[in-house]
PDB file of N, CA and C in Angstrom:
ATOM      1  N   MET A   1     101.040 111.836 105.886  1.00  0.00           N
ATOM      2  CA  MET A   1     101.513 111.271 107.132  1.00  0.00           C
ATOM      3  C   MET A   1     102.700 110.374 106.821  1.00  0.00           C
ATOM      4  N   ILE A   2     103.739 110.532 107.607  1.00  0.00           N
ATOM      5  CA  ILE A   2     104.903 109.672 107.449  1.00  0.00           C
ATOM      6  C   ILE A   2     104.914 108.644 108.575  1.00  0.00           C
ATOM      7  N   ARG A   3     105.789 107.659 108.446  1.00  0.00           N
ATOM      8  CA  ARG A   3     105.825 106.529 109.378  1.00  0.00           C
ATOM      9  C   ARG A   3     105.953 106.980 110.836  1.00  0.00           C
ATOM     10  N   SER A   4     106.835 107.932 111.116  1.00  0.00           N
ATOM     11  CA  SER A   4     107.036 108.384 112.496  1.00  0.00           C
ATOM     12  C   SER A   4     105.767 109.034 113.060  1.00  0.00           C
ATOM     13  N   GLU A   5     105.018 109.743 112.218  1.00  0.00           N
ATOM     14  CA  GLU A   5     103.761 110.339 112.670  1.00  0.00           C
ATOM     15  C   GLU A   5     102.733 109.263 112.981  1.00  0.00           C
ATOM     16  N   LEU A   6     102.698 108.217 112.162  1.00  0.00           N
ATOM     17  CA  LEU A   6     101.803 107.094 112.424  1.00  0.00           C
ATOM     18  C   LEU A   6     102.146 106.443 113.763  1.00  0.00           C
ATOM     19  N   LEU A   7     103.433 106.229 114.016  1.00  0.00           N
ATOM     20  CA  LEU A   7     103.858 105.624 115.280  1.00  0.00           C
ATOM     21  C   LEU A   7     103.455 106.509 116.468  1.00  0.00           C
ATOM     22  N   GLN A   8     103.605 107.803 116.324  1.00  0.00           N
ATOM     23  CA  GLN A   8     103.217 108.725 117.394  1.00  0.00           C
ATOM     24  C   GLN A   8     101.722 108.662 117.674  1.00  0.00           C
ATOM     25  N   GLU A   9     100.905 108.639 116.619  1.00  0.00           N
ATOM     26  CA  GLU A   9      99.446 108.561 116.790  1.00  0.00           C
ATOM     27  C   GLU A   9      99.046 107.250 117.463  1.00  0.00           C
ATOM     28  N   LEU A  10      99.655 106.156 117.045  1.00  0.00           N
ATOM     29  CA  LEU A  10      99.342 104.865 117.661  1.00  0.00           C
ATOM     30  C   LEU A  10      99.750 104.848 119.132  1.00  0.00           C
ATOM     31  N   HIS A  11     100.890 105.453 119.438  1.00  0.00           N
ATOM     32  CA  HIS A  11     101.344 105.513 120.835  1.00  0.00           C
ATOM     33  C   HIS A  11     100.400 106.382 121.678  1.00  0.00           C
ATOM     34  N   LYS A  12      99.918 107.461 121.085  1.00  0.00           N
ATOM     35  CA  LYS A  12      98.980 108.342 121.784  1.00  0.00           C
ATOM     36  C   LYS A  12      97.679 107.602 122.109  1.00  0.00           C
ATOM     37  N   ASP A  13      97.215 106.769 121.167  1.00  0.00           N
ATOM     38  CA  ASP A  13      95.981 106.009 121.362  1.00  0.00           C
ATOM     39  C   ASP A  13      96.172 104.762 122.217  1.00  0.00           C
ATOM     40  N   ASN A  14      97.422 104.319 122.392  1.00  0.00           N
ATOM     41  CA  ASN A  14      97.724 103.103 123.158  1.00  0.00           C
ATOM     42  C   ASN A  14      98.876 103.362 124.119  1.00  0.00           C
ATOM     43  N   PRO A  15      98.660 104.201 125.140  1.00  0.00           N
ATOM     44  CA  PRO A  15      99.758 104.566 126.037  1.00  0.00           C
ATOM     45  C   PRO A  15     100.276 103.398 126.877  1.00  0.00           C
ATOM     46  N   ASP A  16      99.497 102.310 126.965  1.00  0.00           N
ATOM     47  CA  ASP A  16      99.936 101.154 127.741  1.00  0.00           C
ATOM     48  C   ASP A  16     100.992 100.329 127.005  1.00  0.00           C
ATOM     49  N   LEU A  17     101.188 100.579 125.705  1.00  0.00           N
ATOM     50  CA  LEU A  17     102.205  99.866 124.925  1.00  0.00           C
ATOM     51  C   LEU A  17     103.470 100.704 124.824  1.00  0.00           C
ATOM     52  N   ARG A  18     104.605 100.034 124.878  1.00  0.00           N
ATOM     53  CA  ARG A  18     105.886 100.727 124.715  1.00  0.00           C
ATOM     54  C   ARG A  18     106.062 101.102 123.246  1.00  0.00           C
ATOM     55  N   ALA A  19     106.835 102.130 122.996  1.00  0.00           N
ATOM     56  CA  ALA A  19     107.077 102.592 121.625  1.00  0.00           C
ATOM     57  C   ALA A  19     107.676 101.477 120.767  1.00  0.00           C
ATOM     58  N   GLU A  20     108.559 100.658 121.360  1.00  0.00           N
ATOM     59  CA  GLU A  20     109.178  99.554 120.628  1.00  0.00           C
ATOM     60  C   GLU A  20     108.137  98.516 120.209  1.00  0.00           C
ATOM     61  N   GLU A  21     107.144  98.280 121.047  1.00  0.00           N
ATOM     62  CA  GLU A  21     106.091  97.315 120.729  1.00  0.00           C
ATOM     63  C   GLU A  21     105.230  97.818 119.565  1.00  0.00           C
ATOM     64  N   ILE A  22     104.905  99.091 119.610  1.00  0.00           N
ATOM     65  CA  ILE A  22     104.099  99.681 118.534  1.00  0.00           C
ATOM     66  C   ILE A  22     104.872  99.629 117.220  1.00  0.00           C
ATOM     67  N   GLU A  23     106.155  99.958 117.271  1.00  0.00           N
ATOM     68  CA  GLU A  23     106.979  99.919 116.068  1.00  0.00           C
ATOM     69  C   GLU A  23     107.065  98.497 115.511  1.00  0.00           C
ATOM     70  N   GLN A  24     107.155  97.507 116.392  1.00  0.00           N
ATOM     71  CA  GLN A  24     107.212  96.116 115.956  1.00  0.00           C
ATOM     72  C   GLN A  24     105.912  95.702 115.261  1.00  0.00           C
ATOM     73  N   VAL A  25     104.782  96.120 115.807  1.00  0.00           N
ATOM     74  CA  VAL A  25     103.487  95.800 115.196  1.00  0.00           C
ATOM     75  C   VAL A  25     103.384  96.428 113.808  1.00  0.00           C
ATOM     76  N   VAL A  26     103.781  97.683 113.673  1.00  0.00           N
ATOM     77  CA  VAL A  26     103.721  98.375 112.380  1.00  0.00           C
ATOM     78  C   VAL A  26     104.655  97.694 111.377  1.00  0.00           C
ATOM     79  N   ASP A  27     105.859  97.321 111.815  1.00  0.00           N
ATOM     80  CA  ASP A  27     106.806  96.629 110.939  1.00  0.00           C
ATOM     81  C   ASP A  27     106.226  95.307 110.441  1.00  0.00           C
ATOM     82  N   ILE A  28     105.641  94.536 111.352  1.00  0.00           N
ATOM     83  CA  ILE A  28     105.049  93.256 110.980  1.00  0.00           C
ATOM     84  C   ILE A  28     103.909  93.466 109.984  1.00  0.00           C
ATOM     85  N   PHE A  29     103.063  94.456 110.246  1.00  0.00           N
ATOM     86  CA  PHE A  29     101.926  94.759 109.377  1.00  0.00           C
ATOM     87  C   PHE A  29     102.382  95.020 107.946  1.00  0.00           C
ATOM     88  N   PHE A  30     103.335  95.936 107.780  1.00  0.00           N
ATOM     89  CA  PHE A  30     103.797  96.295 106.444  1.00  0.00           C
ATOM     90  C   PHE A  30     104.617  95.172 105.810  1.00  0.00           C
ATOM     91  N   ASP A  31     105.404  94.459 106.596  1.00  0.00           N
ATOM     92  CA  ASP A  31     106.175  93.335 106.059  1.00  0.00           C
ATOM     93  C   ASP A  31     105.262  92.241 105.526  1.00  0.00           C
ATOM     94  N   GLU A  32     104.170  91.965 106.223  1.00  0.00           N
ATOM     95  CA  GLU A  32     103.234  90.936 105.777  1.00  0.00           C
ATOM     96  C   GLU A  32     102.553  91.333 104.470  1.00  0.00           C
ATOM     97  N   ILE A  33     102.179  92.600 104.345  1.00  0.00           N
ATOM     98  CA  ILE A  33     101.578  93.067 103.091  1.00  0.00           C
ATOM     99  C   ILE A  33     102.586  92.934 101.954  1.00  0.00           C
ATOM    100  N   ALA A  34     103.820  93.387 102.179  1.00  0.00           N
ATOM    101  CA  ALA A  34     104.848  93.320 101.141  1.00  0.00           C
ATOM    102  C   ALA A  34     105.150  91.873 100.758  1.00  0.00           C
ATOM    103  N   GLN A  35     105.224  90.986 101.738  1.00  0.00           N
ATOM    104  CA  GLN A  35     105.513  89.580 101.466  1.00  0.00           C
ATOM    105  C   GLN A  35     104.408  88.945 100.633  1.00  0.00           C
ATOM    106  N   ARG A  36     103.163  89.217 100.986  1.00  0.00           N
ATOM    107  CA  ARG A  36     102.036  88.650 100.229  1.00  0.00           C
ATOM    108  C   ARG A  36     102.050  89.147  98.793  1.00  0.00           C
ATOM    109  N   LEU A  37     102.331  90.437  98.590  1.00  0.00           N
ATOM    110  CA  LEU A  37     102.386  90.978  97.233  1.00  0.00           C
ATOM    111  C   LEU A  37     103.547  90.373  96.456  1.00  0.00           C
ATOM    112  N   ALA A  38     104.694  90.181  97.107  1.00  0.00           N
ATOM    113  CA  ALA A  38     105.854  89.582  96.450  1.00  0.00           C
ATOM    114  C   ALA A  38     105.556  88.159  95.999  1.00  0.00           C
ATOM    115  N   GLU A  39     104.681  87.466  96.711  1.00  0.00           N
ATOM    116  CA  GLU A  39     104.289  86.103  96.363  1.00  0.00           C
ATOM    117  C   GLU A  39     103.209  86.084  95.280  1.00  0.00           C
ATOM    118  N   GLY A  40     102.778  87.258  94.847  1.00  0.00           N
ATOM    119  CA  GLY A  40     101.744  87.341  93.816  1.00  0.00           C
ATOM    120  C   GLY A  40     100.341  87.364  94.386  1.00  0.00           C
ATOM    121  N   GLY A  41     100.227  87.491  95.702  1.00  0.00           N
ATOM    122  CA  GLY A  41      98.920  87.482  96.347  1.00  0.00           C
ATOM    123  C   GLY A  41      98.266  88.845  96.398  1.00  0.00           C
ATOM    124  N   ARG A  42      97.196  88.894  97.150  1.00  0.00           N
ATOM    125  CA  ARG A  42      96.374  90.104  97.284  1.00  0.00           C
ATOM    126  C   ARG A  42      96.083  90.298  98.768  1.00  0.00           C
ATOM    127  N   VAL A  43      96.014  91.542  99.220  1.00  0.00           N
ATOM    128  CA  VAL A  43      95.696  91.854 100.611  1.00  0.00           C
ATOM    129  C   VAL A  43      94.484  92.764 100.612  1.00  0.00           C
ATOM    130  N   GLU A  44      93.410  92.324 101.273  1.00  0.00           N
ATOM    131  CA  GLU A  44      92.189  93.115 101.348  1.00  0.00           C
ATOM    132  C   GLU A  44      91.946  93.523 102.791  1.00  0.00           C
ATOM    133  N   LEU A  45      91.789  94.819 103.006  1.00  0.00           N
ATOM    134  CA  LEU A  45      91.473  95.369 104.322  1.00  0.00           C
ATOM    135  C   LEU A  45      90.072  95.958 104.224  1.00  0.00           C
ATOM    136  N   ARG A  46      89.098  95.241 104.730  1.00  0.00           N
ATOM    137  CA  ARG A  46      87.691  95.660 104.611  1.00  0.00           C
ATOM    138  C   ARG A  46      87.512  97.082 105.136  1.00  0.00           C
ATOM    139  N   GLY A  47      86.795  97.872 104.377  1.00  0.00           N
ATOM    140  CA  GLY A  47      86.545  99.251 104.754  1.00  0.00           C
ATOM    141  C   GLY A  47      87.651 100.201 104.343  1.00  0.00           C
ATOM    142  N   PHE A  48      88.796  99.666 103.933  1.00  0.00           N
ATOM    143  CA  PHE A  48      89.918 100.510 103.548  1.00  0.00           C
ATOM    144  C   PHE A  48      90.247 100.338 102.073  1.00  0.00           C
ATOM    145  N   GLY A  49      90.579  99.101 101.666  1.00  0.00           N
ATOM    146  CA  GLY A  49      90.901  98.863 100.268  1.00  0.00           C
ATOM    147  C   GLY A  49      91.661  97.573 100.075  1.00  0.00           C
ATOM    148  N   ALA A  50      92.132  97.369  98.862  1.00  0.00           N
ATOM    149  CA  ALA A  50      92.841  96.139  98.519  1.00  0.00           C
ATOM    150  C   ALA A  50      94.152  96.467  97.820  1.00  0.00           C
ATOM    151  N   PHE A  51      95.194  95.755  98.224  1.00  0.00           N
ATOM    152  CA  PHE A  51      96.503  95.861  97.597  1.00  0.00           C
ATOM    153  C   PHE A  51      96.692  94.645  96.705  1.00  0.00           C
ATOM    154  N   SER A  52      97.218  94.864  95.508  1.00  0.00           N
ATOM    155  CA  SER A  52      97.521  93.760  94.605  1.00  0.00           C
ATOM    156  C   SER A  52      98.670  94.221  93.708  1.00  0.00           C
ATOM    157  N   THR A  53      99.026  93.380  92.750  1.00  0.00           N
ATOM    158  CA  THR A  53     100.047  93.778  91.787  1.00  0.00           C
ATOM    159  C   THR A  53      99.461  93.673  90.386  1.00  0.00           C
ATOM    160  N   ARG A  54     100.042  94.435  89.493  1.00  0.00           N
ATOM    161  CA  ARG A  54      99.651  94.384  88.086  1.00  0.00           C
ATOM    162  C   ARG A  54     100.913  94.192  87.264  1.00  0.00           C
ATOM    163  N   LYS A  55     100.746  93.502  86.149  1.00  0.00           N
ATOM    164  CA  LYS A  55     101.879  93.237  85.275  1.00  0.00           C
ATOM    165  C   LYS A  55     102.012  94.343  84.242  1.00  0.00           C
ATOM    166  N   ARG A  56     103.227  94.815  84.076  1.00  0.00           N
ATOM    167  CA  ARG A  56     103.527  95.776  83.011  1.00  0.00           C
ATOM    168  C   ARG A  56     104.359  95.054  81.963  1.00  0.00           C
ATOM    169  N   GLU A  57     103.943  95.161  80.740  1.00  0.00           N
ATOM    170  CA  GLU A  57     104.651  94.523  79.632  1.00  0.00           C
ATOM    171  C   GLU A  57     105.964  95.249  79.353  1.00  0.00           C
ATOM    172  N   ALA A  58     106.883  94.551  78.725  1.00  0.00           N
ATOM    173  CA  ALA A  58     108.130  95.177  78.297  1.00  0.00           C
ATOM    174  C   ALA A  58     107.799  96.238  77.258  1.00  0.00           C
ATOM    175  N   ARG A  59     108.610  97.281  77.214  1.00  0.00           N
ATOM    176  CA  ARG A  59     108.349  98.367  76.271  1.00  0.00           C
ATOM    177  C   ARG A  59     109.644  99.084  75.925  1.00  0.00           C
ATOM    178  N   SER A  60     109.572  99.948  74.966  1.00  0.00           N
ATOM    179  CA  SER A  60     110.707 100.800  74.626  1.00  0.00           C
ATOM    180  C   SER A  60     110.507 102.129  75.322  1.00  0.00           C
ATOM    181  N   GLY A  61     111.562 102.606  75.950  1.00  0.00           N
ATOM    182  CA  GLY A  61     111.517 103.905  76.617  1.00  0.00           C
ATOM    183  C   GLY A  61     112.594 104.801  76.040  1.00  0.00           C
ATOM    184  N   ARG A  62     112.695 105.995  76.587  1.00  0.00           N
ATOM    185  CA  ARG A  62     113.695 106.934  76.091  1.00  0.00           C
ATOM    186  C   ARG A  62     114.442 107.526  77.281  1.00  0.00           C
ATOM    187  N   ASN A  63     115.759 107.502  77.193  1.00  0.00           N
ATOM    188  CA  ASN A  63     116.587 108.124  78.214  1.00  0.00           C
ATOM    189  C   ASN A  63     116.419 109.637  78.081  1.00  0.00           C
ATOM    190  N   PRO A  64     115.887 110.309  79.103  1.00  0.00           N
ATOM    191  CA  PRO A  64     115.612 111.747  78.968  1.00  0.00           C
ATOM    192  C   PRO A  64     116.878 112.596  78.831  1.00  0.00           C
ATOM    193  N   ARG A  65     117.977 112.105  79.314  1.00  0.00           N
ATOM    194  CA  ARG A  65     119.221 112.872  79.254  1.00  0.00           C
ATOM    195  C   ARG A  65     119.845 112.836  77.860  1.00  0.00           C
ATOM    196  N   THR A  66     119.849 111.621  77.262  1.00  0.00           N
ATOM    197  CA  THR A  66     120.520 111.473  75.962  1.00  0.00           C
ATOM    198  C   THR A  66     119.558 111.344  74.792  1.00  0.00           C
ATOM    199  N   GLY A  67     118.295 111.020  75.065  1.00  0.00           N
ATOM    200  CA  GLY A  67     117.337 110.817  74.000  1.00  0.00           C
ATOM    201  C   GLY A  67     117.429 109.421  73.389  1.00  0.00           C
ATOM    202  N   GLU A  68     118.359 108.613  73.884  1.00  0.00           N
ATOM    203  CA  GLU A  68     118.567 107.258  73.373  1.00  0.00           C
ATOM    204  C   GLU A  68     117.397 106.349  73.742  1.00  0.00           C
ATOM    205  N   THR A  69     117.002 105.471  72.825  1.00  0.00           N
ATOM    206  CA  THR A  69     115.948 104.498  73.084  1.00  0.00           C
ATOM    207  C   THR A  69     116.525 103.361  73.922  1.00  0.00           C
ATOM    208  N   VAL A  70     115.800 102.993  74.974  1.00  0.00           N
ATOM    209  CA  VAL A  70     116.239 101.896  75.848  1.00  0.00           C
ATOM    210  C   VAL A  70     115.086 100.917  76.009  1.00  0.00           C
ATOM    211  N   LYS A  71     115.422  99.662  76.255  1.00  0.00           N
ATOM    212  CA  LYS A  71     114.400  98.649  76.492  1.00  0.00           C
ATOM    213  C   LYS A  71     114.093  98.606  77.980  1.00  0.00           C
ATOM    214  N   VAL A  72     112.813  98.691  78.313  1.00  0.00           N
ATOM    215  CA  VAL A  72     112.362  98.591  79.702  1.00  0.00           C
ATOM    216  C   VAL A  72     111.753  97.201  79.855  1.00  0.00           C
ATOM    217  N   PRO A  73     112.298  96.373  80.760  1.00  0.00           N
ATOM    218  CA  PRO A  73     111.800  95.000  80.890  1.00  0.00           C
ATOM    219  C   PRO A  73     110.399  94.944  81.510  1.00  0.00           C
ATOM    220  N   ALA A  74     109.732  93.811  81.313  1.00  0.00           N
ATOM    221  CA  ALA A  74     108.431  93.584  81.939  1.00  0.00           C
ATOM    222  C   ALA A  74     108.631  93.532  83.455  1.00  0.00           C
ATOM    223  N   LYS A  75     107.622  93.956  84.184  1.00  0.00           N
ATOM    224  CA  LYS A  75     107.725  93.937  85.644  1.00  0.00           C
ATOM    225  C   LYS A  75     106.342  93.965  86.266  1.00  0.00           C
ATOM    226  N   ARG A  76     106.295  93.641  87.561  1.00  0.00           N
ATOM    227  CA  ARG A  76     105.061  93.760  88.333  1.00  0.00           C
ATOM    228  C   ARG A  76     105.157  95.027  89.165  1.00  0.00           C
ATOM    229  N   VAL A  77     104.040  95.739  89.272  1.00  0.00           N
ATOM    230  CA  VAL A  77     104.002  96.969  90.049  1.00  0.00           C
ATOM    231  C   VAL A  77     102.868  96.883  91.065  1.00  0.00           C
ATOM    232  N   PRO A  78     103.035  97.516  92.241  1.00  0.00           N
ATOM    233  CA  PRO A  78     101.961  97.486  93.237  1.00  0.00           C
ATOM    234  C   PRO A  78     100.772  98.320  92.779  1.00  0.00           C
ATOM    235  N   TYR A  79      99.589  97.907  93.219  1.00  0.00           N
ATOM    236  CA  TYR A  79      98.352  98.585  92.863  1.00  0.00           C
ATOM    237  C   TYR A  79      97.454  98.613  94.095  1.00  0.00           C
ATOM    238  N   PHE A  80      96.794  99.734  94.317  1.00  0.00           N
ATOM    239  CA  PHE A  80      95.868  99.868  95.446  1.00  0.00           C
ATOM    240  C   PHE A  80      94.517 100.322  94.925  1.00  0.00           C
ATOM    241  N   LYS A  81      93.468  99.646  95.367  1.00  0.00           N
ATOM    242  CA  LYS A  81      92.109 100.060  95.025  1.00  0.00           C
ATOM    243  C   LYS A  81      91.396 100.390  96.327  1.00  0.00           C
ATOM    244  N   ALA A  82      90.965 101.626  96.458  1.00  0.00           N
ATOM    245  CA  ALA A  82      90.283 102.073  97.676  1.00  0.00           C
ATOM    246  C   ALA A  82      88.939 101.371  97.823  1.00  0.00           C
ATOM    247  N   GLY A  83      88.571 101.073  99.074  1.00  0.00           N
ATOM    248  CA  GLY A  83      87.290 100.450  99.358  1.00  0.00           C
ATOM    249  C   GLY A  83      86.150 101.457  99.319  1.00  0.00           C
ATOM    250  N   LYS A  84      84.939 100.944  99.302  1.00  0.00           N
ATOM    251  CA  LYS A  84      83.748 101.779  99.204  1.00  0.00           C
ATOM    252  C   LYS A  84      83.661 102.778 100.362  1.00  0.00           C
ATOM    253  N   GLU A  85      83.930 102.313 101.590  1.00  0.00           N
ATOM    254  CA  GLU A  85      83.797 103.182 102.760  1.00  0.00           C
ATOM    255  C   GLU A  85      84.771 104.353 102.710  1.00  0.00           C
ATOM    256  N   ILE A  86      86.002 104.110 102.299  1.00  0.00           N
ATOM    257  CA  ILE A  86      86.984 105.207 102.251  1.00  0.00           C
ATOM    258  C   ILE A  86      86.655 106.167 101.119  1.00  0.00           C
ATOM    259  N   ARG A  87      86.157 105.657  99.997  1.00  0.00           N
ATOM    260  CA  ARG A  87      85.755 106.556  98.888  1.00  0.00           C
ATOM    261  C   ARG A  87      84.602 107.453  99.336  1.00  0.00           C
ATOM    262  N   GLU A  88      83.644 106.882 100.051  1.00  0.00           N
ATOM    263  CA  GLU A  88      82.512 107.686 100.547  1.00  0.00           C
ATOM    264  C   GLU A  88      82.995 108.749 101.538  1.00  0.00           C
ATOM    265  N   ARG A  89      83.939 108.374 102.385  1.00  0.00           N
ATOM    266  CA  ARG A  89      84.481 109.318 103.369  1.00  0.00           C
ATOM    267  C   ARG A  89      85.199 110.471 102.705  1.00  0.00           C
ATOM    268  N   LEU A  90      85.928 110.177 101.633  1.00  0.00           N
ATOM    269  CA  LEU A  90      86.668 111.213 100.912  1.00  0.00           C
ATOM    270  C   LEU A  90      85.735 112.175 100.185  1.00  0.00           C
ATOM    271  N   ASN A  91      84.571 111.702  99.796  1.00  0.00           N
ATOM    272  CA  ASN A  91      83.663 112.509  98.990  1.00  0.00           C
ATOM    273  C   ASN A  91      82.411 112.961  99.745  1.00  0.00           C
ATOM    274  N   SER A  92      82.440 112.904 101.072  1.00  0.00           N
ATOM    275  CA  SER A  92      81.246 113.238 101.850  1.00  0.00           C
ATOM    276  C   SER A  92      81.092 114.735 102.141  1.00  0.00           C
ATOM    277  N   GLY A  93      82.073 115.501 101.840  1.00  0.00           N
ATOM    278  CA  GLY A  93      81.840 116.906 102.161  1.00  0.00           C
ATOM    279  C   GLY A  93      82.923 117.748 101.784  1.00  0.00           C
TER     280      GLY A  93
END
């Protein structure tokens, strides 16, 4: 599902809201998750899962085009852990 499909489904389920209002709610939702993760926090959505970040150490990598060794700096990457309810739903049949 892509963002536009999500907006369409939400509009179908909430015909009393204008498309612009639904888009604003979705933007706020995702912006808040991204902001919390950028601050080093965690976002837990009960029944769905938890978003957090993990630290990756600096390492040596290889440029696939030239084969040259390059240094890859340390960084934080997003991480998602599915909740119990969604895992059960995925494996129920």
